[in-house]
N, C-alpha and C. Protein backbone atom coordinates (compact mmCIF):
# COMPACT_ATOMS: atom_id res chain seq x y z
N UNK A 1 90.72 144.25 94.78
CA UNK A 1 90.20 143.00 95.32
C UNK A 1 88.72 142.90 94.96
N UNK A 2 88.26 141.71 94.82
CA UNK A 2 86.86 141.44 94.49
C UNK A 2 86.00 141.71 95.73
N UNK A 3 84.88 142.37 95.54
CA UNK A 3 83.97 142.63 96.65
C UNK A 3 83.52 141.33 97.31
N UNK A 4 83.64 141.27 98.63
CA UNK A 4 83.24 140.08 99.37
C UNK A 4 84.32 139.02 99.46
N UNK A 5 85.43 139.22 98.75
CA UNK A 5 86.52 138.25 98.73
C UNK A 5 87.40 138.46 99.95
N UNK A 6 87.67 137.39 100.67
CA UNK A 6 88.53 137.45 101.84
C UNK A 6 89.80 136.65 101.51
N UNK A 7 90.90 137.36 101.28
CA UNK A 7 92.13 136.70 100.86
C UNK A 7 92.61 135.68 101.89
N UNK A 8 92.57 136.03 103.16
CA UNK A 8 93.04 135.10 104.20
C UNK A 8 92.20 133.83 104.22
N UNK A 9 90.90 134.00 104.07
CA UNK A 9 89.99 132.84 104.04
C UNK A 9 90.25 131.99 102.79
N UNK A 10 90.41 132.66 101.66
CA UNK A 10 90.68 131.94 100.41
C UNK A 10 92.01 131.21 100.49
N UNK A 11 93.02 131.87 101.02
CA UNK A 11 94.33 131.26 101.15
C UNK A 11 94.27 130.00 102.02
N UNK A 12 93.59 130.10 103.14
CA UNK A 12 93.44 128.94 104.03
C UNK A 12 92.68 127.81 103.33
N UNK A 13 91.62 128.16 102.62
CA UNK A 13 90.82 127.17 101.88
C UNK A 13 91.69 126.44 100.86
N UNK A 14 92.42 127.21 100.07
CA UNK A 14 93.23 126.64 98.99
C UNK A 14 94.38 125.82 99.54
N UNK A 15 95.10 126.37 100.51
CA UNK A 15 96.26 125.65 101.07
C UNK A 15 95.86 124.35 101.74
N UNK A 16 94.68 124.30 102.32
CA UNK A 16 94.25 123.07 102.99
C UNK A 16 93.89 121.98 101.98
N UNK A 17 93.75 122.34 100.72
CA UNK A 17 93.32 121.38 99.70
C UNK A 17 94.38 121.09 98.63
N UNK A 18 95.47 121.81 98.64
CA UNK A 18 96.54 121.59 97.67
C UNK A 18 97.20 120.24 97.95
N UNK A 19 97.43 119.48 96.89
CA UNK A 19 98.12 118.19 97.01
C UNK A 19 99.62 118.47 97.05
N UNK A 20 100.17 118.51 98.25
CA UNK A 20 101.59 118.84 98.41
C UNK A 20 102.50 117.81 97.75
N UNK A 21 102.08 116.57 97.70
CA UNK A 21 102.89 115.52 97.07
C UNK A 21 103.09 115.80 95.59
N UNK A 22 102.14 116.44 94.98
CA UNK A 22 102.23 116.75 93.56
C UNK A 22 103.11 117.94 93.26
N UNK A 23 103.58 118.62 94.30
CA UNK A 23 104.38 119.84 94.11
C UNK A 23 105.59 119.84 95.04
N UNK A 24 106.26 118.71 95.11
CA UNK A 24 107.40 118.56 96.04
C UNK A 24 108.49 119.60 95.82
N UNK A 25 108.77 119.93 94.58
CA UNK A 25 109.84 120.89 94.28
C UNK A 25 109.51 122.29 94.79
N UNK A 26 108.24 122.54 95.03
CA UNK A 26 107.80 123.87 95.47
C UNK A 26 107.33 123.89 96.93
N UNK A 27 107.44 122.76 97.61
CA UNK A 27 106.82 122.62 98.93
C UNK A 27 107.25 123.71 99.91
N UNK A 28 108.48 124.17 99.81
CA UNK A 28 108.97 125.20 100.73
C UNK A 28 108.43 126.59 100.41
N UNK A 29 107.79 126.73 99.26
CA UNK A 29 107.29 128.04 98.81
C UNK A 29 105.79 128.10 98.57
N UNK A 30 105.09 127.01 98.80
CA UNK A 30 103.68 126.96 98.38
C UNK A 30 102.84 128.06 99.01
N UNK A 31 102.97 128.32 100.30
CA UNK A 31 102.18 129.38 100.93
C UNK A 31 102.42 130.72 100.25
N UNK A 32 103.68 131.03 100.03
CA UNK A 32 104.05 132.30 99.40
C UNK A 32 103.53 132.36 97.96
N UNK A 33 103.69 131.27 97.21
CA UNK A 33 103.28 131.27 95.81
C UNK A 33 101.77 131.38 95.65
N UNK A 34 101.01 130.72 96.50
CA UNK A 34 99.55 130.83 96.40
C UNK A 34 99.10 132.24 96.76
N UNK A 35 99.72 132.83 97.77
CA UNK A 35 99.39 134.22 98.12
C UNK A 35 99.70 135.15 96.94
N UNK A 36 100.85 134.95 96.32
CA UNK A 36 101.22 135.75 95.15
C UNK A 36 100.27 135.49 93.98
N UNK A 37 99.83 134.25 93.83
CA UNK A 37 98.90 133.91 92.76
C UNK A 37 97.57 134.64 92.93
N UNK A 38 97.08 134.69 94.16
CA UNK A 38 95.84 135.42 94.42
C UNK A 38 96.01 136.88 94.04
N UNK A 39 97.10 137.49 94.47
CA UNK A 39 97.35 138.90 94.14
C UNK A 39 97.44 139.11 92.63
N UNK A 40 98.17 138.23 91.95
CA UNK A 40 98.32 138.35 90.49
C UNK A 40 96.98 138.16 89.79
N UNK A 41 96.19 137.23 90.28
CA UNK A 41 94.87 136.97 89.70
C UNK A 41 93.98 138.21 89.82
N UNK A 42 94.01 138.85 90.96
CA UNK A 42 93.20 140.07 91.15
C UNK A 42 93.68 141.19 90.23
N UNK A 43 95.00 141.34 90.09
CA UNK A 43 95.54 142.36 89.17
C UNK A 43 95.08 142.05 87.75
N UNK A 44 95.19 140.78 87.36
CA UNK A 44 94.75 140.36 86.02
C UNK A 44 93.29 140.74 85.80
N UNK A 45 92.43 140.43 86.77
CA UNK A 45 91.00 140.72 86.60
C UNK A 45 90.73 142.21 86.48
N UNK A 46 91.46 143.03 87.22
CA UNK A 46 91.28 144.48 87.10
C UNK A 46 91.82 144.98 85.76
N UNK A 47 92.99 144.51 85.36
CA UNK A 47 93.60 144.97 84.11
C UNK A 47 92.79 144.57 82.89
N UNK A 48 92.11 143.45 82.94
CA UNK A 48 91.35 142.97 81.78
C UNK A 48 89.87 143.35 81.84
N UNK A 49 89.46 144.07 82.86
CA UNK A 49 88.08 144.52 82.94
C UNK A 49 87.10 143.49 83.45
N UNK A 50 87.60 142.39 84.01
CA UNK A 50 86.71 141.40 84.63
C UNK A 50 86.12 142.00 85.91
N UNK A 51 86.95 142.78 86.61
CA UNK A 51 86.51 143.54 87.78
C UNK A 51 86.70 145.01 87.48
N UNK A 52 85.77 145.83 87.96
CA UNK A 52 85.94 147.27 87.79
C UNK A 52 86.77 147.83 88.94
N UNK A 53 86.96 149.13 88.94
CA UNK A 53 87.82 149.76 89.95
C UNK A 53 87.28 149.63 91.37
N UNK A 54 86.01 149.28 91.50
CA UNK A 54 85.39 149.11 92.83
C UNK A 54 85.36 147.65 93.27
N UNK A 55 85.86 146.75 92.44
CA UNK A 55 85.85 145.32 92.77
C UNK A 55 84.57 144.62 92.38
N UNK A 56 83.70 145.32 91.67
CA UNK A 56 82.46 144.71 91.17
C UNK A 56 82.72 144.07 89.81
N UNK A 57 81.77 143.25 89.36
CA UNK A 57 81.90 142.61 88.05
C UNK A 57 82.04 143.68 86.97
N UNK A 58 83.04 143.50 86.14
CA UNK A 58 83.28 144.43 85.04
C UNK A 58 82.54 143.97 83.79
N UNK A 59 82.95 144.51 82.67
CA UNK A 59 82.27 144.23 81.41
C UNK A 59 82.83 143.02 80.68
N UNK A 60 83.97 142.52 81.08
CA UNK A 60 84.61 141.42 80.35
C UNK A 60 84.51 140.10 81.12
N UNK A 61 84.68 139.02 80.38
CA UNK A 61 84.67 137.68 80.96
C UNK A 61 86.08 137.25 81.32
N UNK A 62 86.18 136.39 82.30
CA UNK A 62 87.45 135.84 82.76
C UNK A 62 87.91 134.77 81.78
N UNK A 63 89.07 134.96 81.20
CA UNK A 63 89.65 133.98 80.27
C UNK A 63 90.66 133.15 81.04
N UNK A 64 90.32 131.89 81.31
CA UNK A 64 91.18 131.01 82.11
C UNK A 64 92.59 130.88 81.53
N UNK A 65 92.68 130.73 80.22
CA UNK A 65 93.99 130.53 79.59
C UNK A 65 94.86 131.77 79.74
N UNK A 66 94.29 132.94 79.49
CA UNK A 66 95.04 134.19 79.64
C UNK A 66 95.44 134.40 81.09
N UNK A 67 94.52 134.12 82.01
CA UNK A 67 94.81 134.29 83.43
C UNK A 67 95.95 133.36 83.85
N UNK A 68 95.89 132.12 83.41
CA UNK A 68 96.93 131.15 83.74
C UNK A 68 98.29 131.66 83.29
N UNK A 69 98.40 132.07 82.05
CA UNK A 69 99.67 132.57 81.52
C UNK A 69 100.16 133.79 82.30
N UNK A 70 99.24 134.71 82.57
CA UNK A 70 99.60 135.92 83.30
C UNK A 70 100.14 135.58 84.68
N UNK A 71 99.45 134.72 85.40
CA UNK A 71 99.85 134.39 86.77
C UNK A 71 101.19 133.66 86.78
N UNK A 72 101.36 132.68 85.92
CA UNK A 72 102.63 131.93 85.88
C UNK A 72 103.78 132.86 85.53
N UNK A 73 103.61 133.70 84.52
CA UNK A 73 104.67 134.63 84.12
C UNK A 73 105.01 135.60 85.25
N UNK A 74 103.98 136.09 85.90
CA UNK A 74 104.20 137.05 87.00
C UNK A 74 104.96 136.40 88.15
N UNK A 75 104.56 135.18 88.55
CA UNK A 75 105.23 134.50 89.64
C UNK A 75 106.66 134.13 89.28
N UNK A 76 106.87 133.68 88.05
CA UNK A 76 108.23 133.33 87.61
C UNK A 76 109.13 134.57 87.66
N UNK A 77 108.60 135.70 87.21
CA UNK A 77 109.36 136.94 87.22
C UNK A 77 109.62 137.42 88.65
N UNK A 78 108.59 137.43 89.48
CA UNK A 78 108.72 137.90 90.87
C UNK A 78 109.75 137.09 91.65
N UNK A 79 109.83 135.81 91.36
CA UNK A 79 110.67 134.92 92.15
C UNK A 79 111.97 134.52 91.46
N UNK A 80 112.20 135.04 90.25
CA UNK A 80 113.42 134.76 89.52
C UNK A 80 113.58 133.30 89.11
N UNK A 81 112.45 132.67 88.78
CA UNK A 81 112.49 131.25 88.41
C UNK A 81 113.00 131.06 86.99
N UNK A 82 113.76 129.99 86.80
CA UNK A 82 114.19 129.61 85.46
C UNK A 82 113.03 128.88 84.78
N UNK A 83 113.14 128.61 83.47
CA UNK A 83 112.03 127.97 82.74
C UNK A 83 111.57 126.64 83.34
N UNK A 84 112.50 125.82 83.84
CA UNK A 84 112.11 124.54 84.44
C UNK A 84 111.24 124.76 85.68
N UNK A 85 111.63 125.71 86.51
CA UNK A 85 110.85 126.00 87.71
C UNK A 85 109.52 126.64 87.32
N UNK A 86 109.49 127.43 86.27
CA UNK A 86 108.24 128.05 85.81
C UNK A 86 107.24 126.98 85.39
N UNK A 87 107.72 125.89 84.80
CA UNK A 87 106.83 124.79 84.42
C UNK A 87 106.22 124.17 85.68
N UNK A 88 107.02 124.01 86.71
CA UNK A 88 106.51 123.47 87.98
C UNK A 88 105.50 124.42 88.61
N UNK A 89 105.76 125.70 88.51
CA UNK A 89 104.81 126.70 89.01
C UNK A 89 103.51 126.59 88.22
N UNK A 90 103.61 126.31 86.93
CA UNK A 90 102.41 126.15 86.10
C UNK A 90 101.51 125.04 86.63
N UNK A 91 102.09 123.94 87.07
CA UNK A 91 101.29 122.86 87.65
C UNK A 91 100.59 123.30 88.92
N UNK A 92 101.29 124.07 89.74
CA UNK A 92 100.69 124.59 90.97
C UNK A 92 99.56 125.56 90.66
N UNK A 93 99.77 126.42 89.67
CA UNK A 93 98.75 127.41 89.31
C UNK A 93 97.53 126.73 88.71
N UNK A 94 97.72 125.66 88.00
CA UNK A 94 96.59 124.89 87.49
C UNK A 94 95.72 124.43 88.67
N UNK A 95 96.35 123.88 89.69
CA UNK A 95 95.61 123.46 90.89
C UNK A 95 94.99 124.65 91.61
N UNK A 96 95.75 125.74 91.71
CA UNK A 96 95.25 126.96 92.35
C UNK A 96 93.96 127.43 91.69
N UNK A 97 93.96 127.47 90.37
CA UNK A 97 92.80 128.00 89.66
C UNK A 97 91.55 127.15 89.92
N UNK A 98 91.72 125.86 89.97
CA UNK A 98 90.58 124.98 90.28
C UNK A 98 90.09 125.21 91.71
N UNK A 99 91.01 125.31 92.64
CA UNK A 99 90.63 125.52 94.05
C UNK A 99 90.09 126.93 94.29
N UNK A 100 90.61 127.90 93.57
CA UNK A 100 90.08 129.26 93.68
C UNK A 100 88.62 129.29 93.23
N UNK A 101 88.32 128.58 92.16
CA UNK A 101 86.94 128.50 91.68
C UNK A 101 86.05 127.85 92.73
N UNK A 102 86.54 126.77 93.34
CA UNK A 102 85.77 126.12 94.42
C UNK A 102 85.52 127.09 95.56
N UNK A 103 86.54 127.85 95.95
CA UNK A 103 86.38 128.82 97.03
C UNK A 103 85.32 129.86 96.66
N UNK A 104 85.38 130.38 95.46
CA UNK A 104 84.42 131.39 95.03
C UNK A 104 82.99 130.86 95.08
N UNK A 105 82.82 129.60 94.71
CA UNK A 105 81.49 128.98 94.76
C UNK A 105 81.03 128.79 96.20
N UNK A 106 81.91 128.24 97.06
CA UNK A 106 81.57 128.02 98.48
C UNK A 106 81.28 129.34 99.19
N UNK A 107 82.05 130.37 98.85
CA UNK A 107 81.85 131.67 99.49
C UNK A 107 80.66 132.43 98.93
N UNK A 108 80.03 131.88 97.88
CA UNK A 108 78.87 132.52 97.28
C UNK A 108 79.21 133.75 96.47
N UNK A 109 80.43 133.80 95.94
CA UNK A 109 80.85 134.96 95.17
C UNK A 109 80.63 134.82 93.67
N UNK A 110 80.26 133.61 93.24
CA UNK A 110 79.92 133.40 91.83
C UNK A 110 78.60 132.64 91.77
N UNK A 111 77.86 132.93 90.77
CA UNK A 111 76.57 132.27 90.56
C UNK A 111 76.50 131.93 89.08
N UNK A 112 76.47 130.65 88.79
CA UNK A 112 76.49 130.20 87.40
C UNK A 112 75.13 130.14 86.76
N UNK A 113 74.12 130.57 87.44
CA UNK A 113 72.77 130.48 86.87
C UNK A 113 72.32 131.79 86.29
């Protein structure tokens, strides 16, 4: 996990801002999928060296496209989704990634300057 990152706080932040109307096919799973997305995102950051073993900034930069693919594939595999459902999960993950970035900024965990 990223130092200073509070999963419960992030989950609440993201879930309160997700447009449920845009993800009707997933509405019964959104809480679970966003929680899984956060976990997958953290694994991705550790595996790619964005975060080190202590949760501090690593030597590599976060690649949004690679992260997106990793998270969608992981969630589709974890939940046994077919390709059509994986596409729907992709739309949710796109929103997740934008809201996760907002949370990181609000929580003061990223500084773009």
